Protein backbone atom coordinates (compact mmCIF):
# COMPACT_ATOMS: atom_id res chain seq x y z
CA MET A 1 -5.36 7.68 -21.74
CA SER A 2 -5.59 8.08 -17.95
CA THR A 3 -8.73 5.92 -17.86
CA LEU A 4 -6.88 3.12 -19.61
CA HIS A 5 -3.97 3.52 -17.16
CA SER A 6 -6.36 3.39 -14.19
CA ASP A 7 -8.00 0.23 -15.50
CA HIS A 8 -4.62 -1.50 -15.56
CA ASP A 9 -3.72 -0.30 -12.05
CA SER A 10 -6.86 -1.67 -10.38
CA PRO A 11 -5.89 -5.38 -10.56
CA TRP A 12 -2.43 -4.56 -9.15
CA LYS A 13 -3.99 -2.74 -6.21
CA ASP A 14 -6.23 -5.76 -5.58
CA ILE A 15 -3.25 -8.13 -5.74
CA LEU A 16 -1.31 -5.94 -3.32
CA ARG A 17 -4.21 -5.96 -0.88
CA GLN A 18 -4.61 -9.74 -1.13
CA SER A 19 -0.89 -10.55 -0.91
CA PHE A 20 0.50 -7.60 1.02
CA GLN A 21 2.80 -9.55 3.33
CA GLU A 22 4.22 -11.61 0.48
CA ALA A 23 4.73 -8.52 -1.72
CA ILE A 24 6.60 -6.64 1.01
CA ALA A 25 8.70 -9.72 1.79
CA PHE A 26 9.61 -10.10 -1.90
CA PHE A 27 10.32 -6.47 -2.79
CA PHE A 28 11.52 -5.16 0.61
CA PRO A 29 12.89 -8.10 2.65
CA GLU A 30 14.66 -5.89 5.22
CA THR A 31 11.47 -3.95 5.88
CA ALA A 32 9.42 -7.15 6.05
CA ALA A 33 11.80 -8.54 8.66
CA GLU A 34 11.10 -5.54 10.92
CA ILE A 35 7.29 -5.84 10.74
CA ASP A 36 5.35 -7.71 13.41
CA TRP A 37 3.16 -9.83 11.13
CA SER A 38 1.26 -11.26 14.11
CA ARG A 39 -0.47 -7.88 14.37
CA ARG A 40 -3.05 -6.82 11.85
CA TYR A 41 -2.06 -4.30 9.18
CA GLU A 42 -4.56 -1.77 7.89
CA PHE A 43 -5.02 -0.04 4.53
CA LEU A 44 -5.57 3.68 5.13
CA ASP A 45 -7.48 4.85 2.07
CA LYS A 46 -9.23 7.82 3.72
CA GLU A 47 -6.05 8.98 5.45
CA PHE A 48 -4.16 8.82 2.15
CA GLN A 49 -6.79 11.00 0.46
CA GLN A 50 -6.36 13.54 3.28
CA ILE A 51 -2.57 13.77 3.01
CA ALA A 52 -2.46 13.68 -0.82
CA PRO A 53 -5.73 15.16 -2.15
CA GLU A 54 -4.03 16.35 -5.34
CA ALA A 55 -3.21 12.71 -6.18
CA GLU A 56 -6.87 11.96 -6.81
CA ILE A 57 -7.67 12.40 -10.47
CA GLY A 58 -10.72 10.33 -11.34
CA LYS A 59 -10.15 6.85 -9.97
CA ARG A 60 -6.84 6.45 -8.13
CA TYR A 61 -5.58 2.86 -8.01
CA ALA A 62 -1.80 2.60 -7.76
CA ASP A 63 -0.98 4.11 -4.37
CA GLN A 64 -1.63 2.46 -1.03
CA LEU A 65 -1.02 3.77 2.48
CA VAL A 66 -0.73 0.92 4.97
CA LYS A 67 -0.38 0.99 8.75
CA VAL A 68 1.84 -1.78 10.11
CA TRP A 69 3.42 -2.49 13.50
CA LEU A 70 7.12 -3.00 13.98
CA LYS A 71 8.47 -5.77 16.19
CA GLN A 72 9.62 -3.11 18.67
CA GLY A 73 5.98 -2.01 19.03
CA GLN A 74 6.01 1.21 17.00
CA GLU A 75 3.32 2.02 14.48
CA LEU A 76 4.63 2.68 10.95
CA TRP A 77 2.78 3.96 7.89
CA LEU A 78 4.09 2.64 4.58
CA LEU A 79 3.34 4.42 1.32
CA VAL A 80 3.37 1.83 -1.45
CA HIS A 81 3.34 3.00 -5.05
CA ILE A 82 3.26 0.46 -7.85
CA GLU A 83 4.06 1.47 -11.39
CA ILE A 84 3.98 -1.30 -13.97
């Protein structure tokens, strides 16, 4: 059952990576308004595995840790979890 669940999560993770700015703007408009989109955001896969090693069971697809920059210049890490 978990393999089937993982197979369905993988396309959503890919979509989130490809359309991250649009997804944040749609689901979290207040947060999106605070992000400096002129600066590059970064997906932190290795860092996420370090802070949540128990979350890895086989292939882990749904969670994303993303480093963004706020307009005020601060770095912010966003934990994005998608459950369809």
